[in-house]
Amino acid sequence: MTEHERPARTRRRGEELLTAIRAAVLAEVAETGLGRLTMEGIAKRAGTAKTSLYRRWSSPQEVLLDAIHAEHPQETVSPGSDDLRGDLIRALRQLVDWMRSPSAEAAGSIVAERVRHPELARALYERVFEPRGGRFTLTVLRHYAEQGRIDPRLITPVVADIGEALVFKYAMDTHQVPDDAKLAEIVDQAVLPAVGIGPDRPESAAKP
């Protein structure tokens, strides 16, 4: 096939190009690390021009934060707000699914190198984690507190950390992520009792 016979490459725009760039920056940081992340490397991997990146972002770190934010899960509650236990388990399952993703790997790199990149680490928390709820299970707990189902005074920073902390500890100890049975144990034996709900006190009775 001659040069003139080759089909012209389709120029990507909009969401298609945005998706390719986000995937490229996550792959690039996984391969090169934060210190060597460049607009040139991201553009080359995405198959686009640097000018396409600079129209939207001012630096490779901005591209990275955007990609992590776009891939970060957002907790939801059941339609009727009548399944606190199930919603908590689903929130932790979202965490587990996210932990397997390139986005989580990139976020982990930022946290691990927070001494070398303090502003980037701060931006990760302020612009990604906090807008998405801060901690997994916290959005669910706050919602049920607003509905009068649990006492809001019980949702302390320690309680908000329980679910995430136990998932991460299990993964660190076993080198695998917890399955649904383990997530249910975490919710039943740690999160729910911390907000006043146990075997002898159903959700319907756990009101302030």
C-alpha atoms as a PDB file:
ATOM      1  CA  MET A   1       0.000   0.000   0.000  1.00  0.00           C
ATOM      2  CA  THR A   2       1.406   3.400  -0.996  1.00  0.00           C
ATOM      3  CA  GLU A   3       1.406   6.516   1.153  1.00  0.00           C
ATOM      4  CA  HIS A   4      -1.545   7.917  -0.828  1.00  0.00           C
ATOM      5  CA  GLU A   5      -3.508   4.696  -0.430  1.00  0.00           C
ATOM      6  CA  ARG A   6      -3.204   4.621   3.364  1.00  0.00           C
ATOM      7  CA  PRO A   7      -6.401   5.728   5.131  1.00  0.00           C
ATOM      8  CA  ALA A   8      -6.158   9.096   6.809  1.00  0.00           C
ATOM      9  CA  ARG A   9      -5.900   8.988  10.586  1.00  0.00           C
ATOM     10  CA  THR A  10      -9.081  10.096  12.293  1.00  0.00           C
ATOM     11  CA  ARG A  11      -8.495  13.144  14.445  1.00  0.00           C
ATOM     12  CA  ARG A  12      -9.864  12.592  17.925  1.00  0.00           C
ATOM     13  CA  ARG A  13     -11.725  15.346  19.695  1.00  0.00           C
ATOM     14  CA  GLY A  14     -13.775  15.956  22.782  1.00  0.00           C
ATOM     15  CA  GLU A  15     -14.319  13.109  25.204  1.00  0.00           C
ATOM     16  CA  GLU A  16     -12.464  10.594  23.058  1.00  0.00           C
ATOM     17  CA  LEU A  17      -9.274  12.658  23.158  1.00  0.00           C
ATOM     18  CA  LEU A  18      -9.769  13.503  26.842  1.00  0.00           C
ATOM     19  CA  THR A  19     -10.114   9.819  27.712  1.00  0.00           C
ATOM     20  CA  ALA A  20      -6.951   8.986  25.760  1.00  0.00           C
ATOM     21  CA  ILE A  21      -4.973  11.719  27.523  1.00  0.00           C
ATOM     22  CA  ARG A  22      -6.144  10.650  30.973  1.00  0.00           C
ATOM     23  CA  ALA A  23      -5.213   7.036  30.255  1.00  0.00           C
ATOM     24  CA  ALA A  24      -1.854   8.193  28.901  1.00  0.00           C
ATOM     25  CA  VAL A  25      -0.877  10.220  31.971  1.00  0.00           C
ATOM     26  CA  LEU A  26      -1.735   7.335  34.305  1.00  0.00           C
ATOM     27  CA  ALA A  27       0.338   4.945  32.203  1.00  0.00           C
ATOM     28  CA  GLU A  28       3.160   7.455  31.936  1.00  0.00           C
ATOM     29  CA  VAL A  29       3.462   8.060  35.676  1.00  0.00           C
ATOM     30  CA  ALA A  30       3.387   4.313  36.320  1.00  0.00           C
ATOM     31  CA  GLU A  31       6.314   3.837  33.938  1.00  0.00           C
ATOM     32  CA  THR A  32       8.438   6.931  34.541  1.00  0.00           C
ATOM     33  CA  GLY A  33       7.476   8.102  38.043  1.00  0.00           C
ATOM     34  CA  LEU A  34       6.376  11.539  39.196  1.00  0.00           C
ATOM     35  CA  GLY A  35       9.766  13.171  38.772  1.00  0.00           C
ATOM     36  CA  ARG A  36       9.990  12.417  35.059  1.00  0.00           C
ATOM     37  CA  LEU A  37       6.391  13.143  34.110  1.00  0.00           C
ATOM     38  CA  THR A  38       6.321  15.586  31.178  1.00  0.00           C
ATOM     39  CA  MET A  39       3.820  17.041  28.762  1.00  0.00           C
ATOM     40  CA  GLU A  40       5.924  15.605  25.928  1.00  0.00           C
ATOM     41  CA  GLY A  41       5.695  12.087  27.321  1.00  0.00           C
ATOM     42  CA  ILE A  42       1.958  12.310  27.936  1.00  0.00           C
ATOM     43  CA  ALA A  43       1.284  13.734  24.474  1.00  0.00           C
ATOM     44  CA  LYS A  44       3.393  11.104  22.744  1.00  0.00           C
ATOM     45  CA  ARG A  45       1.691   8.265  24.612  1.00  0.00           C
ATOM     46  CA  ALA A  46      -1.756   9.713  23.902  1.00  0.00           C
ATOM     47  CA  GLY A  47      -0.915  10.203  20.224  1.00  0.00           C
ATOM     48  CA  THR A  48      -1.669  13.916  20.243  1.00  0.00           C
ATOM     49  CA  ALA A  49       0.142  17.249  20.159  1.00  0.00           C
ATOM     50  CA  LYS A  50       1.405  19.068  23.244  1.00  0.00           C
ATOM     51  CA  THR A  51      -0.754  22.017  22.253  1.00  0.00           C
ATOM     52  CA  SER A  52      -3.840  19.870  22.894  1.00  0.00           C
ATOM     53  CA  LEU A  53      -2.693  19.432  26.470  1.00  0.00           C
ATOM     54  CA  TYR A  54      -1.768  23.060  27.061  1.00  0.00           C
ATOM     55  CA  ARG A  55      -5.215  24.198  25.946  1.00  0.00           C
ATOM     56  CA  ARG A  56      -6.652  22.536  29.050  1.00  0.00           C
ATOM     57  CA  TRP A  57      -3.824  22.064  31.587  1.00  0.00           C
ATOM     58  CA  SER A  58      -0.806  24.133  32.613  1.00  0.00           C
ATOM     59  CA  SER A  59       1.453  21.267  33.705  1.00  0.00           C
ATOM     60  CA  PRO A  60       1.753  17.461  33.660  1.00  0.00           C
ATOM     61  CA  GLN A  61       0.803  17.427  37.343  1.00  0.00           C
ATOM     62  CA  GLU A  62      -2.475  19.138  36.469  1.00  0.00           C
ATOM     63  CA  VAL A  63      -3.164  16.469  33.855  1.00  0.00           C
ATOM     64  CA  LEU A  64      -2.464  13.794  36.450  1.00  0.00           C
ATOM     65  CA  LEU A  65      -4.776  15.291  39.067  1.00  0.00           C
ATOM     66  CA  ASP A  66      -7.533  15.608  36.478  1.00  0.00           C
ATOM     67  CA  ALA A  67      -7.157  11.951  35.493  1.00  0.00           C
ATOM     68  CA  ILE A  68      -7.218  10.734  39.097  1.00  0.00           C
ATOM     69  CA  HIS A  69     -10.273  12.880  39.851  1.00  0.00           C
ATOM     70  CA  ALA A  70     -12.121  11.595  36.795  1.00  0.00           C
ATOM     71  CA  GLU A  71     -11.505   7.966  37.783  1.00  0.00           C
ATOM     72  CA  HIS A  72     -12.205   8.324  41.499  1.00  0.00           C
ATOM     73  CA  PRO A  73     -15.459   6.627  42.578  1.00  0.00           C
ATOM     74  CA  GLN A  74     -18.349   8.583  44.020  1.00  0.00           C
ATOM     75  CA  GLU A  75     -20.417   6.890  46.709  1.00  0.00           C
ATOM     76  CA  THR A  76     -24.165   6.626  46.279  1.00  0.00           C
ATOM     77  CA  VAL A  77     -26.946   5.513  48.587  1.00  0.00           C
ATOM     78  CA  SER A  78     -29.805   3.162  47.935  1.00  0.00           C
ATOM     79  CA  PRO A  79     -33.015   4.718  46.529  1.00  0.00           C
ATOM     80  CA  GLY A  80     -35.110   5.116  49.731  1.00  0.00           C
ATOM     81  CA  SER A  81     -32.125   5.441  52.051  1.00  0.00           C
ATOM     82  CA  ASP A  82     -33.198   2.223  53.730  1.00  0.00           C
ATOM     83  CA  ASP A  83     -30.113   0.019  53.486  1.00  0.00           C
ATOM     84  CA  LEU A  84     -27.296   1.487  55.555  1.00  0.00           C
ATOM     85  CA  ARG A  85     -25.470  -1.839  55.857  1.00  0.00           C
ATOM     86  CA  GLY A  86     -25.704  -2.551  52.144  1.00  0.00           C
ATOM     87  CA  ASP A  87     -24.650   0.965  51.226  1.00  0.00           C
ATOM     88  CA  LEU A  88     -21.594   0.740  53.487  1.00  0.00           C
ATOM     89  CA  ILE A  89     -20.565  -2.583  51.961  1.00  0.00           C
ATOM     90  CA  ARG A  90     -21.012  -1.157  48.472  1.00  0.00           C
ATOM     91  CA  ALA A  91     -18.887   1.869  49.407  1.00  0.00           C
ATOM     92  CA  LEU A  92     -16.062  -0.389  50.554  1.00  0.00           C
ATOM     93  CA  ARG A  93     -16.453  -2.486  47.402  1.00  0.00           C
ATOM     94  CA  GLN A  94     -15.956   0.712  45.396  1.00  0.00           C
ATOM     95  CA  LEU A  95     -12.748   1.255  47.356  1.00  0.00           C
ATOM     96  CA  VAL A  96     -11.564  -2.276  46.592  1.00  0.00           C
ATOM     97  CA  ASP A  97     -12.336  -1.899  42.887  1.00  0.00           C
ATOM     98  CA  TRP A  98     -10.550   1.449  42.817  1.00  0.00           C
ATOM     99  CA  MET A  99      -7.489  -0.029  44.546  1.00  0.00           C
ATOM    100  CA  ARG A 100      -6.959  -2.241  41.488  1.00  0.00           C
ATOM    101  CA  SER A 101      -6.974   0.704  39.075  1.00  0.00           C
ATOM    102  CA  PRO A 102      -4.159   2.777  37.497  1.00  0.00           C
ATOM    103  CA  SER A 103      -5.746   5.810  39.167  1.00  0.00           C
ATOM    104  CA  ALA A 104      -5.178   4.339  42.625  1.00  0.00           C
ATOM    105  CA  GLU A 105      -1.604   3.456  41.718  1.00  0.00           C
ATOM    106  CA  ALA A 106      -0.979   7.046  40.658  1.00  0.00           C
ATOM    107  CA  ALA A 107      -2.572   8.418  43.823  1.00  0.00           C
ATOM    108  CA  GLY A 108      -0.440   6.029  45.868  1.00  0.00           C
ATOM    109  CA  SER A 109       2.690   7.350  44.162  1.00  0.00           C
ATOM    110  CA  ILE A 110       1.771  10.903  45.110  1.00  0.00           C
ATOM    111  CA  VAL A 111       1.116   9.969  48.739  1.00  0.00           C
ATOM    112  CA  ALA A 112       4.347   7.940  48.917  1.00  0.00           C
ATOM    113  CA  GLU A 113       6.340  10.915  47.610  1.00  0.00           C
ATOM    114  CA  ARG A 114       4.568  13.637  49.538  1.00  0.00           C
ATOM    115  CA  VAL A 115       7.839  14.829  51.085  1.00  0.00           C
ATOM    116  CA  ARG A 116       9.319  15.496  47.628  1.00  0.00           C
ATOM    117  CA  HIS A 117       6.051  16.773  46.147  1.00  0.00           C
ATOM    118  CA  PRO A 118       4.135  18.381  49.051  1.00  0.00           C
ATOM    119  CA  GLU A 119       2.024  20.714  46.913  1.00  0.00           C
ATOM    120  CA  LEU A 120       0.927  17.871  44.654  1.00  0.00           C
ATOM    121  CA  ALA A 121       0.013  15.735  47.656  1.00  0.00           C
ATOM    122  CA  ARG A 122      -1.972  18.601  49.167  1.00  0.00           C
ATOM    123  CA  ALA A 123      -3.788  19.143  45.878  1.00  0.00           C
ATOM    124  CA  LEU A 124      -4.638  15.433  45.723  1.00  0.00           C
ATOM    125  CA  TYR A 125      -6.510  15.671  49.002  1.00  0.00           C
ATOM    126  CA  GLU A 126      -8.064  19.084  48.402  1.00  0.00           C
ATOM    127  CA  ARG A 127      -9.078  18.614  44.764  1.00  0.00           C
ATOM    128  CA  VAL A 128      -9.700  14.880  44.471  1.00  0.00           C
ATOM    129  CA  PHE A 129     -10.349  13.099  47.748  1.00  0.00           C
ATOM    130  CA  GLU A 130     -12.323  15.801  49.578  1.00  0.00           C
ATOM    131  CA  PRO A 131     -14.683  16.654  46.676  1.00  0.00           C
ATOM    132  CA  ARG A 132     -15.399  12.921  46.322  1.00  0.00           C
ATOM    133  CA  GLY A 133     -16.354  12.552  49.966  1.00  0.00           C
ATOM    134  CA  GLY A 134     -13.035  12.535  51.793  1.00  0.00           C
ATOM    135  CA  ARG A 135     -13.109   8.891  52.861  1.00  0.00           C
ATOM    136  CA  PHE A 136     -14.985   5.859  51.620  1.00  0.00           C
ATOM    137  CA  THR A 137     -18.154   5.283  53.755  1.00  0.00           C
ATOM    138  CA  LEU A 138     -18.174   8.906  54.971  1.00  0.00           C
ATOM    139  CA  THR A 139     -20.661  10.084  52.334  1.00  0.00           C
ATOM    140  CA  VAL A 140     -22.984   7.206  53.245  1.00  0.00           C
ATOM    141  CA  LEU A 141     -22.680   7.828  56.979  1.00  0.00           C
ATOM    142  CA  ARG A 142     -23.349  11.541  56.601  1.00  0.00           C
ATOM    143  CA  HIS A 143     -26.371  10.887  54.418  1.00  0.00           C
ATOM    144  CA  TYR A 144     -27.967   8.560  56.969  1.00  0.00           C
ATOM    145  CA  ALA A 145     -27.179  11.032  59.744  1.00  0.00           C
ATOM    146  CA  GLU A 146     -28.964  13.765  57.779  1.00  0.00           C
ATOM    147  CA  GLN A 147     -31.947  11.403  57.453  1.00  0.00           C
ATOM    148  CA  GLY A 148     -32.026  10.947  61.234  1.00  0.00           C
ATOM    149  CA  ARG A 149     -31.071   7.288  61.038  1.00  0.00           C
ATOM    150  CA  ILE A 150     -27.820   7.594  63.010  1.00  0.00           C
ATOM    151  CA  ASP A 151     -26.460  10.112  65.503  1.00  0.00           C
ATOM    152  CA  PRO A 152     -24.205  12.594  63.630  1.00  0.00           C
ATOM    153  CA  ARG A 153     -22.136  13.082  66.795  1.00  0.00           C
ATOM    154  CA  LEU A 154     -20.863   9.529  66.371  1.00  0.00           C
ATOM    155  CA  ILE A 155     -19.328  10.231  62.954  1.00  0.00           C
ATOM    156  CA  THR A 156     -15.936  11.298  64.250  1.00  0.00           C
ATOM    157  CA  PRO A 157     -12.743  11.341  62.138  1.00  0.00           C
ATOM    158  CA  VAL A 158     -11.738   8.033  63.728  1.00  0.00           C
ATOM    159  CA  VAL A 159     -15.066   6.417  62.858  1.00  0.00           C
ATOM    160  CA  ALA A 160     -14.883   7.799  59.320  1.00  0.00           C
ATOM    161  CA  ASP A 161     -11.484   6.113  58.911  1.00  0.00           C
ATOM    162  CA  ILE A 162     -12.482   2.669  60.188  1.00  0.00           C
ATOM    163  CA  GLY A 163     -13.683   1.118  56.933  1.00  0.00           C
ATOM    164  CA  GLU A 164     -10.814   2.385  54.801  1.00  0.00           C
ATOM    165  CA  ALA A 165      -8.213   1.564  57.447  1.00  0.00           C
ATOM    166  CA  LEU A 166      -9.321  -2.039  57.834  1.00  0.00           C
ATOM    167  CA  VAL A 167      -9.462  -2.584  54.077  1.00  0.00           C
ATOM    168  CA  PHE A 168      -5.930  -1.237  53.667  1.00  0.00           C
ATOM    169  CA  LYS A 169      -4.637  -3.259  56.639  1.00  0.00           C
ATOM    170  CA  TYR A 170      -6.124  -6.460  55.240  1.00  0.00           C
ATOM    171  CA  ALA A 171      -4.528  -5.764  51.863  1.00  0.00           C
ATOM    172  CA  MET A 172      -1.178  -5.000  53.481  1.00  0.00           C
ATOM    173  CA  ASP A 173      -1.239  -8.121  55.667  1.00  0.00           C
ATOM    174  CA  THR A 174      -2.444 -10.584  53.022  1.00  0.00           C
ATOM    175  CA  HIS A 175      -1.250  -8.965  49.757  1.00  0.00           C
ATOM    176  CA  GLN A 176      -4.773  -9.258  48.387  1.00  0.00           C
ATOM    177  CA  VAL A 177      -7.907  -7.164  48.543  1.00  0.00           C
ATOM    178  CA  PRO A 178     -10.785  -8.264  50.803  1.00  0.00           C
ATOM    179  CA  ASP A 179     -13.698 -10.114  49.227  1.00  0.00           C
ATOM    180  CA  ASP A 180     -17.363  -9.311  49.855  1.00  0.00           C
ATOM    181  CA  ALA A 181     -17.510 -11.590  52.910  1.00  0.00           C
ATOM    182  CA  LYS A 182     -14.613  -9.745  54.525  1.00  0.00           C
ATOM    183  CA  LEU A 183     -16.151  -6.364  53.639  1.00  0.00           C
ATOM    184  CA  ALA A 184     -19.371  -7.459  55.355  1.00  0.00           C
ATOM    185  CA  GLU A 185     -17.379  -8.421  58.458  1.00  0.00           C
ATOM    186  CA  ILE A 186     -15.719  -5.007  58.514  1.00  0.00           C
ATOM    187  CA  VAL A 187     -19.089  -3.277  58.286  1.00  0.00           C
ATOM    188  CA  ASP A 188     -20.880  -5.564  60.780  1.00  0.00           C
ATOM    189  CA  GLN A 189     -18.127  -5.783  63.379  1.00  0.00           C
ATOM    190  CA  ALA A 190     -16.557  -2.348  63.160  1.00  0.00           C
ATOM    191  CA  VAL A 191     -18.375   0.381  61.225  1.00  0.00           C
ATOM    192  CA  LEU A 192     -21.964  -0.245  62.332  1.00  0.00           C
ATOM    193  CA  PRO A 193     -21.137  -0.743  66.040  1.00  0.00           C
ATOM    194  CA  ALA A 194     -19.147   2.503  65.917  1.00  0.00           C
ATOM    195  CA  VAL A 195     -22.315   4.393  64.979  1.00  0.00           C
ATOM    196  CA  GLY A 196     -24.444   2.634  67.564  1.00  0.00           C
ATOM    197  CA  ILE A 197     -25.808  -0.225  65.489  1.00  0.00           C
ATOM    198  CA  GLY A 198     -25.203  -3.810  66.551  1.00  0.00           C
ATOM    199  CA  PRO A 199     -26.943  -7.219  66.579  1.00  0.00           C
ATOM    200  CA  ASP A 200     -29.194  -6.114  69.438  1.00  0.00           C
ATOM    201  CA  ARG A 201     -29.959  -2.683  67.972  1.00  0.00           C
ATOM    202  CA  PRO A 202     -31.377  -2.554  64.429  1.00  0.00           C
ATOM    203  CA  GLU A 203     -30.825   0.365  62.117  1.00  0.00           C
ATOM    204  CA  SER A 204     -34.355   1.632  62.691  1.00  0.00           C
ATOM    205  CA  ALA A 205     -33.584   2.145  66.376  1.00  0.00           C
ATOM    206  CA  ALA A 206     -30.255   3.898  65.943  1.00  0.00           C
ATOM    207  CA  LYS A 207     -31.518   7.460  66.085  1.00  0.00           C
ATOM    208  CA  PRO A 208     -30.145  10.343  68.175  1.00  0.00           C
END
